[in-house]
């Protein structure tokens, strides 16, 4: 299933948004259709009219959610010129999108923890779009002699994994009783991540 660019009707959108929140809160197994009916005020017959079953609903919600993150990240990177700028924008844009759409990192972390047991192929393709965007900018940097040659999965995991973990673990960190502030703001965390990756990827000259 490709991301649906058509505007859904009000009922379908209401179901989608509520279900996405529930999948983020409870995971696939923990999301009960009866509770979705209660939360939305939409009867089961109408839910199943718009979405054949829970698996179809999950696929739709995740594909739309992940596409809503991957597309603006890719578009933002395309607007930059140098590999260094593209890398910084990739990280900043993903951080902003994940913060604005907290269901995305929550659902992704749940899927990772379960080994991707319920991850739809169409949603995974959106994650692969992010990887492809990163891979292309790294290739540009390597061709221009700016970046060392690395498997793109390594920085991909560093960016996506660290930012998703940072965002989803916020409530747990907020409960830590500390006399002084130990938690960086997202912007500070993002800038540190950019510096680490730009430094780590930088091509070094022999004998330097």
N, C-alpha and C. Protein backbone atom coordinates (compact mmCIF):
# COMPACT_ATOMS: atom_id res chain seq x y z
N UNK A 1 0.84 -1.19 0.00
CA UNK A 1 0.00 0.00 0.00
C UNK A 1 0.87 1.24 0.00
N UNK A 2 0.70 2.12 -0.99
CA UNK A 2 1.41 3.38 -1.04
C UNK A 2 0.70 4.38 -0.14
N UNK A 3 1.45 5.38 0.39
CA UNK A 3 0.78 6.40 1.19
C UNK A 3 -0.36 7.02 0.41
N UNK A 4 -1.52 7.12 1.05
CA UNK A 4 -2.71 7.63 0.39
C UNK A 4 -2.68 9.15 0.40
N UNK A 5 -2.61 9.75 -0.77
CA UNK A 5 -2.55 11.21 -0.86
C UNK A 5 -3.95 11.83 -0.94
N UNK A 6 -4.98 11.00 -1.09
CA UNK A 6 -6.34 11.53 -1.13
C UNK A 6 -6.78 11.90 0.28
N UNK A 7 -7.55 12.96 0.38
CA UNK A 7 -8.04 13.40 1.68
C UNK A 7 -9.12 12.44 2.16
N UNK A 8 -8.92 11.79 3.33
CA UNK A 8 -9.92 10.84 3.82
C UNK A 8 -11.15 11.59 4.32
N UNK A 9 -12.28 10.88 4.35
CA UNK A 9 -13.46 11.54 4.89
C UNK A 9 -13.31 11.67 6.41
N UNK A 10 -14.19 12.45 7.01
CA UNK A 10 -14.04 12.81 8.42
C UNK A 10 -14.05 11.58 9.33
N UNK A 11 -14.91 10.62 9.03
CA UNK A 11 -15.00 9.43 9.88
C UNK A 11 -13.74 8.59 9.79
N UNK A 12 -13.26 8.35 8.57
CA UNK A 12 -12.04 7.56 8.38
C UNK A 12 -10.85 8.23 9.05
N UNK A 13 -10.77 9.56 8.94
CA UNK A 13 -9.66 10.29 9.55
C UNK A 13 -9.74 10.21 11.07
N UNK A 14 -10.94 10.30 11.61
CA UNK A 14 -11.13 10.20 13.05
C UNK A 14 -10.67 8.84 13.55
N UNK A 15 -11.03 7.80 12.83
CA UNK A 15 -10.61 6.45 13.19
C UNK A 15 -9.09 6.33 13.11
N UNK A 16 -8.52 6.82 12.03
CA UNK A 16 -7.07 6.72 11.81
C UNK A 16 -6.29 7.42 12.93
N UNK A 17 -6.68 8.65 13.26
CA UNK A 17 -5.95 9.41 14.26
C UNK A 17 -6.04 8.78 15.64
N UNK A 18 -7.23 8.34 16.00
CA UNK A 18 -7.41 7.71 17.31
C UNK A 18 -6.68 6.37 17.37
N UNK A 19 -6.77 5.59 16.32
CA UNK A 19 -6.10 4.29 16.28
C UNK A 19 -4.59 4.47 16.35
N UNK A 20 -4.06 5.48 15.68
CA UNK A 20 -2.62 5.74 15.72
C UNK A 20 -2.17 6.03 17.15
N UNK A 21 -2.95 6.83 17.87
CA UNK A 21 -2.63 7.11 19.28
C UNK A 21 -2.66 5.83 20.10
N UNK A 22 -3.64 4.99 19.86
CA UNK A 22 -3.76 3.75 20.63
C UNK A 22 -2.62 2.79 20.31
N UNK A 23 -2.24 2.69 19.05
CA UNK A 23 -1.12 1.82 18.68
C UNK A 23 0.17 2.31 19.34
N UNK A 24 0.32 3.63 19.47
CA UNK A 24 1.50 4.18 20.13
C UNK A 24 1.48 3.90 21.62
N UNK A 25 0.30 3.96 22.23
CA UNK A 25 0.16 3.75 23.67
C UNK A 25 0.24 2.27 24.05
N UNK A 26 -0.39 1.41 23.25
CA UNK A 26 -0.62 0.03 23.66
C UNK A 26 0.02 -1.01 22.76
N UNK A 27 0.52 -0.60 21.61
CA UNK A 27 1.05 -1.56 20.65
C UNK A 27 -0.07 -2.24 19.87
N UNK A 28 0.32 -3.07 18.93
CA UNK A 28 -0.67 -3.74 18.09
C UNK A 28 -1.54 -4.69 18.91
N UNK A 29 -0.91 -5.55 19.69
CA UNK A 29 -1.66 -6.55 20.45
C UNK A 29 -2.56 -5.91 21.49
N UNK A 30 -2.09 -4.83 22.10
CA UNK A 30 -2.85 -4.21 23.18
C UNK A 30 -3.99 -3.31 22.72
N UNK A 31 -4.05 -3.03 21.44
CA UNK A 31 -5.12 -2.18 20.91
C UNK A 31 -6.34 -3.04 20.62
N UNK A 32 -7.42 -2.74 21.33
CA UNK A 32 -8.67 -3.50 21.22
C UNK A 32 -9.70 -2.67 20.44
N UNK A 33 -10.32 -3.32 19.48
CA UNK A 33 -11.25 -2.60 18.62
C UNK A 33 -12.46 -2.07 19.38
N UNK A 34 -12.88 -2.77 20.43
CA UNK A 34 -14.00 -2.28 21.24
C UNK A 34 -13.64 -0.94 21.89
N UNK A 35 -12.40 -0.83 22.35
CA UNK A 35 -11.98 0.44 22.96
C UNK A 35 -11.89 1.54 21.90
N UNK A 36 -11.46 1.18 20.70
CA UNK A 36 -11.42 2.16 19.61
C UNK A 36 -12.82 2.68 19.32
N UNK A 37 -13.80 1.79 19.37
CA UNK A 37 -15.19 2.18 19.18
C UNK A 37 -15.63 3.17 20.26
N UNK A 38 -15.24 2.89 21.51
CA UNK A 38 -15.61 3.77 22.61
C UNK A 38 -14.95 5.14 22.48
N UNK A 39 -13.69 5.14 22.14
CA UNK A 39 -12.94 6.41 22.06
C UNK A 39 -13.42 7.29 20.91
N UNK A 40 -13.73 6.68 19.79
CA UNK A 40 -14.12 7.46 18.61
C UNK A 40 -15.61 7.75 18.54
N UNK A 41 -16.40 6.91 19.20
CA UNK A 41 -17.84 7.04 19.06
C UNK A 41 -18.34 6.53 17.72
N UNK A 42 -17.47 5.79 17.03
CA UNK A 42 -17.81 5.20 15.73
C UNK A 42 -18.09 3.72 15.93
N UNK A 43 -19.21 3.23 15.43
CA UNK A 43 -19.53 1.83 15.66
C UNK A 43 -18.63 0.90 14.84
N UNK A 44 -18.61 -0.35 15.25
CA UNK A 44 -17.72 -1.32 14.61
C UNK A 44 -18.00 -1.49 13.13
N UNK A 45 -19.27 -1.48 12.78
CA UNK A 45 -19.62 -1.66 11.37
C UNK A 45 -18.99 -0.57 10.51
N UNK A 46 -18.99 0.65 11.02
CA UNK A 46 -18.40 1.76 10.28
C UNK A 46 -16.88 1.64 10.22
N UNK A 47 -16.27 1.22 11.34
CA UNK A 47 -14.82 1.03 11.37
C UNK A 47 -14.40 0.00 10.33
N UNK A 48 -15.11 -1.14 10.31
CA UNK A 48 -14.76 -2.20 9.38
C UNK A 48 -15.17 -1.89 7.93
N UNK A 49 -16.05 -0.91 7.78
CA UNK A 49 -16.37 -0.45 6.43
C UNK A 49 -15.17 0.28 5.84
N UNK A 50 -14.55 1.10 6.67
CA UNK A 50 -13.40 1.89 6.20
C UNK A 50 -12.10 1.08 6.21
N UNK A 51 -11.97 0.18 7.18
CA UNK A 51 -10.75 -0.63 7.32
C UNK A 51 -11.16 -2.08 7.56
N UNK A 52 -10.74 -2.95 6.68
CA UNK A 52 -11.24 -4.33 6.67
C UNK A 52 -11.07 -5.05 8.00
N UNK A 53 -9.91 -4.87 8.64
CA UNK A 53 -9.64 -5.52 9.91
C UNK A 53 -8.54 -4.73 10.63
N UNK A 54 -8.16 -5.21 11.81
CA UNK A 54 -7.16 -4.47 12.58
C UNK A 54 -5.82 -4.41 11.86
N UNK A 55 -5.44 -5.47 11.19
CA UNK A 55 -4.17 -5.48 10.46
C UNK A 55 -4.16 -4.43 9.35
N UNK A 56 -5.28 -4.31 8.65
CA UNK A 56 -5.40 -3.30 7.59
C UNK A 56 -5.33 -1.90 8.18
N UNK A 57 -6.00 -1.70 9.31
CA UNK A 57 -5.97 -0.40 9.98
C UNK A 57 -4.56 -0.06 10.43
N UNK A 58 -3.86 -1.05 10.98
CA UNK A 58 -2.49 -0.84 11.45
C UNK A 58 -1.58 -0.47 10.28
N UNK A 59 -1.73 -1.19 9.18
CA UNK A 59 -0.92 -0.89 8.00
C UNK A 59 -1.17 0.53 7.52
N UNK A 60 -2.43 0.92 7.46
CA UNK A 60 -2.77 2.26 7.00
C UNK A 60 -2.19 3.32 7.93
N UNK A 61 -2.40 3.14 9.24
CA UNK A 61 -1.93 4.13 10.21
C UNK A 61 -0.42 4.29 10.17
N UNK A 62 0.31 3.18 10.16
CA UNK A 62 1.77 3.25 10.17
C UNK A 62 2.32 3.80 8.87
N UNK A 63 1.75 3.39 7.76
CA UNK A 63 2.24 3.88 6.48
C UNK A 63 2.06 5.39 6.36
N UNK A 64 0.88 5.88 6.73
CA UNK A 64 0.63 7.31 6.67
C UNK A 64 1.51 8.06 7.67
N UNK A 65 1.66 7.52 8.87
CA UNK A 65 2.46 8.17 9.90
C UNK A 65 3.93 8.24 9.50
N UNK A 66 4.48 7.11 9.08
CA UNK A 66 5.90 7.08 8.73
C UNK A 66 6.18 7.92 7.48
N UNK A 67 5.23 7.92 6.53
CA UNK A 67 5.40 8.74 5.33
C UNK A 67 5.37 10.22 5.68
N UNK A 68 4.57 10.59 6.69
CA UNK A 68 4.48 11.99 7.09
C UNK A 68 5.76 12.48 7.75
N UNK A 69 6.62 11.55 8.15
CA UNK A 69 7.93 11.89 8.68
C UNK A 69 8.99 11.83 7.58
N UNK A 70 8.99 10.75 6.81
CA UNK A 70 10.03 10.54 5.80
C UNK A 70 9.99 11.58 4.68
N UNK A 71 8.79 11.95 4.23
CA UNK A 71 8.68 12.88 3.10
C UNK A 71 9.27 14.25 3.39
N UNK A 72 8.89 14.91 4.50
CA UNK A 72 9.48 16.23 4.76
C UNK A 72 10.98 16.19 5.04
N UNK A 73 11.47 15.08 5.62
CA UNK A 73 12.91 14.95 5.83
C UNK A 73 13.63 14.92 4.48
N UNK A 74 13.14 14.07 3.57
CA UNK A 74 13.74 13.97 2.24
C UNK A 74 13.67 15.29 1.49
N UNK A 75 12.53 15.97 1.60
CA UNK A 75 12.37 17.26 0.91
C UNK A 75 13.34 18.31 1.46
N UNK A 76 13.50 18.32 2.79
CA UNK A 76 14.41 19.30 3.41
C UNK A 76 15.85 19.05 2.98
N UNK A 77 16.25 17.80 2.94
CA UNK A 77 17.62 17.45 2.54
C UNK A 77 17.86 17.86 1.09
N UNK A 78 16.86 17.69 0.25
CA UNK A 78 16.99 18.04 -1.17
C UNK A 78 17.25 19.54 -1.38
N UNK A 79 16.83 20.35 -0.42
CA UNK A 79 17.00 21.80 -0.55
C UNK A 79 18.42 22.25 -0.22
N UNK A 80 19.20 21.38 0.44
CA UNK A 80 20.57 21.73 0.82
C UNK A 80 21.53 21.37 -0.30
N UNK A 81 22.74 21.90 -0.23
CA UNK A 81 23.70 21.67 -1.31
C UNK A 81 24.88 20.81 -0.88
N UNK A 82 25.58 21.19 0.18
CA UNK A 82 26.78 20.45 0.56
C UNK A 82 26.44 19.24 1.41
N UNK A 83 27.28 18.21 1.40
CA UNK A 83 27.04 17.03 2.23
C UNK A 83 26.94 17.36 3.72
N UNK A 84 27.77 18.29 4.20
CA UNK A 84 27.71 18.67 5.62
C UNK A 84 26.35 19.28 5.95
N UNK A 85 25.86 20.16 5.08
CA UNK A 85 24.55 20.77 5.29
C UNK A 85 23.45 19.72 5.24
N UNK A 86 23.54 18.82 4.28
CA UNK A 86 22.52 17.79 4.14
C UNK A 86 22.47 16.87 5.36
N UNK A 87 23.64 16.53 5.90
CA UNK A 87 23.67 15.67 7.08
C UNK A 87 23.04 16.37 8.27
N UNK A 88 23.39 17.64 8.47
CA UNK A 88 22.82 18.39 9.59
C UNK A 88 21.31 18.53 9.44
N UNK A 89 20.85 18.82 8.23
CA UNK A 89 19.42 18.98 8.00
C UNK A 89 18.69 17.65 8.15
N UNK A 90 19.30 16.56 7.71
CA UNK A 90 18.69 15.24 7.88
C UNK A 90 18.41 14.99 9.36
N UNK A 91 19.41 15.25 10.20
CA UNK A 91 19.27 15.00 11.63
C UNK A 91 18.26 15.96 12.25
N UNK A 92 18.39 17.25 11.94
CA UNK A 92 17.49 18.25 12.51
C UNK A 92 16.04 18.02 12.08
N UNK A 93 15.86 17.73 10.81
CA UNK A 93 14.50 17.54 10.29
C UNK A 93 13.85 16.30 10.89
N UNK A 94 14.61 15.20 11.00
CA UNK A 94 14.02 14.01 11.62
C UNK A 94 13.67 14.28 13.07
N UNK A 95 14.54 14.98 13.80
CA UNK A 95 14.26 15.30 15.20
C UNK A 95 12.98 16.11 15.33
N UNK A 96 12.80 17.10 14.45
CA UNK A 96 11.61 17.94 14.49
C UNK A 96 10.35 17.14 14.16
N UNK A 97 10.43 16.31 13.13
CA UNK A 97 9.27 15.52 12.73
C UNK A 97 8.88 14.52 13.81
N UNK A 98 9.88 13.89 14.41
CA UNK A 98 9.61 12.90 15.46
C UNK A 98 9.03 13.55 16.71
N UNK A 99 9.47 14.77 16.99
CA UNK A 99 8.92 15.49 18.14
C UNK A 99 7.47 15.90 17.87
N UNK A 100 7.20 16.36 16.65
CA UNK A 100 5.85 16.80 16.30
C UNK A 100 4.88 15.64 16.17
N UNK A 101 5.39 14.44 15.87
CA UNK A 101 4.55 13.25 15.69
C UNK A 101 5.05 12.16 16.63
N UNK A 102 4.84 12.32 17.94
CA UNK A 102 5.41 11.40 18.93
C UNK A 102 4.96 9.95 18.78
N UNK A 103 3.85 9.73 18.09
CA UNK A 103 3.41 8.34 17.87
C UNK A 103 4.42 7.58 17.03
N UNK A 104 5.14 8.29 16.16
CA UNK A 104 6.08 7.61 15.27
C UNK A 104 7.21 6.95 16.03
N UNK A 105 7.99 7.69 16.86
CA UNK A 105 9.05 7.01 17.60
C UNK A 105 8.52 5.96 18.57
N UNK A 106 7.35 6.20 19.16
CA UNK A 106 6.78 5.23 20.10
C UNK A 106 6.46 3.91 19.40
N UNK A 107 5.80 4.00 18.26
CA UNK A 107 5.44 2.79 17.52
C UNK A 107 6.68 2.10 16.99
N UNK A 108 7.63 2.87 16.49
CA UNK A 108 8.86 2.28 15.95
C UNK A 108 9.62 1.53 17.03
N UNK A 109 9.73 2.12 18.22
CA UNK A 109 10.45 1.45 19.31
C UNK A 109 9.73 0.17 19.73
N UNK A 110 8.40 0.19 19.73
CA UNK A 110 7.64 -1.02 20.05
C UNK A 110 7.91 -2.11 19.01
N UNK A 111 7.93 -1.72 17.75
CA UNK A 111 8.17 -2.70 16.69
C UNK A 111 9.58 -3.26 16.76
N UNK A 112 10.54 -2.42 17.06
CA UNK A 112 11.92 -2.88 17.21
C UNK A 112 12.02 -3.88 18.35
N UNK A 113 11.38 -3.57 19.47
CA UNK A 113 11.43 -4.45 20.64
C UNK A 113 10.80 -5.81 20.35
N UNK A 114 9.81 -5.84 19.46
CA UNK A 114 9.13 -7.11 19.14
C UNK A 114 9.72 -7.79 17.93
N UNK A 115 10.83 -7.25 17.42
CA UNK A 115 11.43 -7.84 16.23
C UNK A 115 10.66 -7.54 14.96
N UNK A 116 9.89 -6.45 14.98
CA UNK A 116 9.11 -6.09 13.79
C UNK A 116 8.01 -7.08 13.48
N UNK A 117 7.46 -7.69 14.52
CA UNK A 117 6.48 -8.76 14.34
C UNK A 117 5.28 -8.34 13.51
N UNK A 118 4.84 -7.10 13.70
CA UNK A 118 3.64 -6.63 12.99
C UNK A 118 3.95 -5.50 12.01
N UNK A 119 5.21 -5.18 11.81
CA UNK A 119 5.57 -4.05 10.95
C UNK A 119 5.15 -4.30 9.50
N UNK A 120 4.25 -3.49 8.96
CA UNK A 120 3.83 -3.67 7.56
C UNK A 120 4.97 -3.33 6.60
N UNK A 121 5.02 -4.02 5.48
CA UNK A 121 6.05 -3.75 4.49
C UNK A 121 6.00 -2.30 4.01
N UNK A 122 4.80 -1.77 3.87
CA UNK A 122 4.66 -0.41 3.35
C UNK A 122 5.20 0.62 4.34
N UNK A 123 5.08 0.35 5.63
CA UNK A 123 5.65 1.25 6.63
C UNK A 123 7.16 1.13 6.65
N UNK A 124 7.65 -0.10 6.52
CA UNK A 124 9.10 -0.31 6.49
C UNK A 124 9.72 0.39 5.28
N UNK A 125 8.99 0.45 4.19
CA UNK A 125 9.49 1.13 2.99
C UNK A 125 9.72 2.62 3.25
N UNK A 126 8.92 3.20 4.13
CA UNK A 126 9.12 4.60 4.48
C UNK A 126 10.40 4.79 5.30
N UNK A 127 10.71 3.81 6.16
CA UNK A 127 11.98 3.84 6.89
C UNK A 127 13.14 3.66 5.91
N UNK A 128 12.94 2.83 4.91
CA UNK A 128 13.97 2.64 3.90
C UNK A 128 14.17 3.92 3.08
N UNK A 129 13.11 4.70 2.95
CA UNK A 129 13.24 5.99 2.25
C UNK A 129 14.17 6.91 3.04
N UNK A 130 14.05 6.89 4.36
CA UNK A 130 14.96 7.68 5.19
C UNK A 130 16.39 7.20 5.01
N UNK A 131 16.57 5.88 5.02
CA UNK A 131 17.91 5.32 4.83
C UNK A 131 18.47 5.70 3.47
N UNK A 132 17.65 5.64 2.44
CA UNK A 132 18.09 6.00 1.10
C UNK A 132 18.51 7.46 1.02
N UNK A 133 17.76 8.33 1.70
CA UNK A 133 18.10 9.76 1.73
C UNK A 133 19.46 9.96 2.37
N UNK A 134 19.68 9.29 3.49
CA UNK A 134 20.97 9.39 4.18
C UNK A 134 22.09 8.80 3.33
N UNK A 135 21.83 7.65 2.73
CA UNK A 135 22.84 6.99 1.91
C UNK A 135 23.27 7.87 0.75
N UNK A 136 22.33 8.55 0.12
CA UNK A 136 22.65 9.41 -1.02
C UNK A 136 23.55 10.58 -0.61
N UNK A 137 23.27 11.18 0.53
CA UNK A 137 24.09 12.32 0.95
C UNK A 137 25.47 11.85 1.40
N UNK A 138 25.55 10.65 1.98
CA UNK A 138 26.85 10.11 2.35
C UNK A 138 27.67 9.79 1.11
N UNK A 139 27.01 9.24 0.09
CA UNK A 139 27.71 8.94 -1.17
C UNK A 139 28.25 10.22 -1.81
N UNK A 140 27.45 11.28 -1.74
CA UNK A 140 27.91 12.56 -2.28
C UNK A 140 29.15 13.03 -1.53
N UNK A 141 29.11 12.90 -0.20
CA UNK A 141 30.26 13.31 0.60
C UNK A 141 31.50 12.48 0.32
N UNK A 142 31.30 11.19 0.08
CA UNK A 142 32.43 10.31 -0.24
C UNK A 142 33.02 10.66 -1.61
N UNK A 143 32.14 10.93 -2.56
CA UNK A 143 32.60 11.27 -3.91
C UNK A 143 33.35 12.60 -3.93
N UNK A 144 32.97 13.51 -3.04
CA UNK A 144 33.63 14.81 -2.97
C UNK A 144 34.85 14.79 -2.05
N UNK A 145 35.15 13.63 -1.48
CA UNK A 145 36.31 13.51 -0.61
C UNK A 145 36.13 14.12 0.76
N UNK A 146 34.87 14.30 1.18
CA UNK A 146 34.57 14.93 2.47
C UNK A 146 34.36 13.88 3.57
N UNK A 147 33.66 12.80 3.23
CA UNK A 147 33.34 11.75 4.19
C UNK A 147 34.13 10.48 3.90
N UNK A 148 34.44 9.77 4.98
CA UNK A 148 35.01 8.43 4.85
C UNK A 148 33.91 7.50 4.34
N UNK A 149 34.32 6.34 3.85
CA UNK A 149 33.35 5.34 3.38
C UNK A 149 32.83 4.53 4.56
N UNK A 150 31.53 4.59 4.78
CA UNK A 150 30.88 3.85 5.86
C UNK A 150 29.64 3.16 5.31
N UNK A 151 29.27 2.05 5.92
CA UNK A 151 27.97 1.46 5.65
C UNK A 151 26.92 2.42 6.19
N UNK A 152 26.00 2.84 5.36
CA UNK A 152 25.02 3.86 5.76
C UNK A 152 24.15 3.43 6.94
N UNK A 153 24.05 2.13 7.17
CA UNK A 153 23.23 1.67 8.30
C UNK A 153 23.78 2.14 9.63
N UNK A 154 25.11 2.27 9.73
CA UNK A 154 25.71 2.68 11.00
C UNK A 154 25.26 4.08 11.41
N UNK A 155 25.47 5.12 10.60
CA UNK A 155 24.95 6.44 10.99
C UNK A 155 23.43 6.49 11.02
N UNK A 156 22.77 5.69 10.19
CA UNK A 156 21.30 5.64 10.20
C UNK A 156 20.80 5.20 11.58
N UNK A 157 21.38 4.12 12.11
CA UNK A 157 20.98 3.65 13.43
C UNK A 157 21.33 4.68 14.50
N UNK A 158 22.46 5.35 14.34
CA UNK A 158 22.86 6.36 15.33
C UNK A 158 21.86 7.51 15.37
N UNK A 159 21.39 7.94 14.21
CA UNK A 159 20.46 9.06 14.16
C UNK A 159 19.06 8.64 14.60
N UNK A 160 18.49 7.67 13.90
CA UNK A 160 17.11 7.26 14.18
C UNK A 160 16.99 6.65 15.57
N UNK A 161 17.92 5.77 15.89
CA UNK A 161 17.86 5.08 17.18
C UNK A 161 18.02 6.02 18.35
N UNK A 162 19.03 6.89 18.30
CA UNK A 162 19.29 7.77 19.45
C UNK A 162 18.17 8.80 19.63
N UNK A 163 17.66 9.35 18.54
CA UNK A 163 16.60 10.34 18.66
C UNK A 163 15.28 9.71 19.13
N UNK A 164 14.96 8.54 18.61
CA UNK A 164 13.74 7.86 19.06
C UNK A 164 13.85 7.47 20.53
N UNK A 165 15.01 6.99 20.93
CA UNK A 165 15.21 6.62 22.34
C UNK A 165 15.14 7.86 23.22
N UNK A 166 15.75 8.95 22.78
CA UNK A 166 15.72 10.19 23.55
C UNK A 166 14.28 10.65 23.78
N UNK A 167 13.48 10.63 22.72
CA UNK A 167 12.11 11.13 22.82
C UNK A 167 11.21 10.21 23.62
N UNK A 168 11.31 8.91 23.40
CA UNK A 168 10.40 7.99 24.08
C UNK A 168 10.77 7.77 25.54
N UNK A 169 12.01 8.02 25.90
CA UNK A 169 12.43 7.82 27.29
C UNK A 169 12.27 9.07 28.14
N UNK A 170 11.75 10.15 27.55
CA UNK A 170 11.59 11.40 28.28
C UNK A 170 10.77 11.25 29.56
N UNK A 171 9.60 10.60 29.53
CA UNK A 171 8.83 10.46 30.77
C UNK A 171 9.60 9.73 31.87
N UNK A 172 10.37 8.73 31.50
CA UNK A 172 11.16 7.99 32.48
C UNK A 172 12.25 8.88 33.08
N UNK A 173 12.90 9.68 32.23
CA UNK A 173 13.95 10.57 32.73
C UNK A 173 13.37 11.68 33.59
N UNK A 174 12.16 12.10 33.28
CA UNK A 174 11.52 13.16 34.06
C UNK A 174 11.26 12.73 35.50
N UNK A 175 11.19 11.43 35.72
CA UNK A 175 10.93 10.92 37.08
C UNK A 175 12.20 10.78 37.91
N UNK A 176 13.35 11.03 37.30
CA UNK A 176 14.61 10.93 38.04
C UNK A 176 14.75 12.15 38.96
N UNK A 177 14.93 11.88 40.24
CA UNK A 177 15.06 12.95 41.23
C UNK A 177 16.52 13.39 41.27
N UNK A 178 16.78 14.57 40.76
CA UNK A 178 18.15 15.08 40.73
C UNK A 178 18.16 16.55 41.12
N UNK A 179 19.11 16.96 41.97
CA UNK A 179 19.17 18.36 42.40
C UNK A 179 19.58 19.31 41.27
N UNK A 180 20.17 18.79 40.22
CA UNK A 180 20.58 19.63 39.11
C UNK A 180 20.11 19.05 37.79
N UNK A 181 19.98 19.90 36.82
CA UNK A 181 19.49 19.48 35.50
C UNK A 181 20.55 18.65 34.80
N UNK A 182 20.18 17.43 34.42
CA UNK A 182 21.13 16.56 33.72
C UNK A 182 20.66 16.23 32.31
N UNK A 183 19.43 16.61 32.02
CA UNK A 183 18.82 16.24 30.75
C UNK A 183 18.96 17.36 29.74
N UNK A 184 19.58 17.12 28.58
CA UNK A 184 19.67 18.18 27.57
C UNK A 184 18.33 18.38 26.88
N UNK A 185 18.11 19.58 26.36
CA UNK A 185 16.94 19.82 25.52
C UNK A 185 17.15 19.11 24.19
N UNK A 186 16.06 18.89 23.45
CA UNK A 186 16.16 18.19 22.18
C UNK A 186 17.11 18.91 21.22
N UNK A 187 17.03 20.24 21.17
CA UNK A 187 17.90 20.99 20.26
C UNK A 187 19.37 20.78 20.60
N UNK A 188 19.68 20.81 21.89
CA UNK A 188 21.06 20.59 22.33
C UNK A 188 21.51 19.18 21.98
N UNK A 189 20.65 18.21 22.24
CA UNK A 189 20.96 16.82 21.93
C UNK A 189 21.20 16.65 20.43
N UNK A 190 20.35 17.28 19.63
CA UNK A 190 20.47 17.18 18.18
C UNK A 190 21.77 17.79 17.68
N UNK A 191 22.12 18.97 18.19
CA UNK A 191 23.36 19.62 17.76
C UNK A 191 24.58 18.79 18.15
N UNK A 192 24.54 18.17 19.33
CA UNK A 192 25.65 17.32 19.73
C UNK A 192 25.77 16.11 18.81
N UNK A 193 24.63 15.56 18.43
CA UNK A 193 24.62 14.41 17.52
C UNK A 193 25.19 14.81 16.15
N UNK A 194 24.84 15.99 15.69
CA UNK A 194 25.37 16.48 14.41
C UNK A 194 26.89 16.60 14.49
N UNK A 195 27.39 17.18 15.56
CA UNK A 195 28.84 17.36 15.71
C UNK A 195 29.56 16.02 15.75
N UNK A 196 29.00 15.07 16.49
CA UNK A 196 29.61 13.75 16.61
C UNK A 196 29.69 13.07 15.24
N UNK A 197 28.60 13.12 14.49
CA UNK A 197 28.57 12.44 13.20
C UNK A 197 29.42 13.15 12.15
N UNK A 198 29.35 14.47 12.12
CA UNK A 198 30.17 15.18 11.15
C UNK A 198 31.66 14.94 11.41
N UNK A 199 32.02 14.91 12.68
CA UNK A 199 33.42 14.65 13.04
C UNK A 199 33.80 13.21 12.73
N UNK A 200 32.91 12.28 13.07
CA UNK A 200 33.22 10.87 12.86
C UNK A 200 33.27 10.45 11.40
N UNK A 201 32.47 11.13 10.58
CA UNK A 201 32.43 10.79 9.16
C UNK A 201 33.51 11.51 8.35
N UNK A 202 34.10 12.54 8.94
CA UNK A 202 35.06 13.36 8.19
C UNK A 202 36.25 12.54 7.70
N UNK A 203 36.60 12.75 6.47
CA UNK A 203 37.72 12.04 5.87
C UNK A 203 39.03 12.62 6.40
N UNK A 204 39.91 11.76 6.85
CA UNK A 204 41.20 12.19 7.37
C UNK A 204 42.29 11.90 6.35
N UNK A 205 43.27 12.76 6.32
CA UNK A 205 44.39 12.55 5.40
C UNK A 205 45.42 11.65 6.05
N UNK A 206 46.07 10.84 5.26
CA UNK A 206 47.08 9.93 5.77
C UNK A 206 48.23 10.72 6.39
N UNK A 207 48.64 10.25 7.56
CA UNK A 207 49.74 10.89 8.25
C UNK A 207 49.32 12.06 9.10
N UNK A 208 48.00 12.37 9.07
CA UNK A 208 47.52 13.50 9.87
C UNK A 208 47.40 13.11 11.32
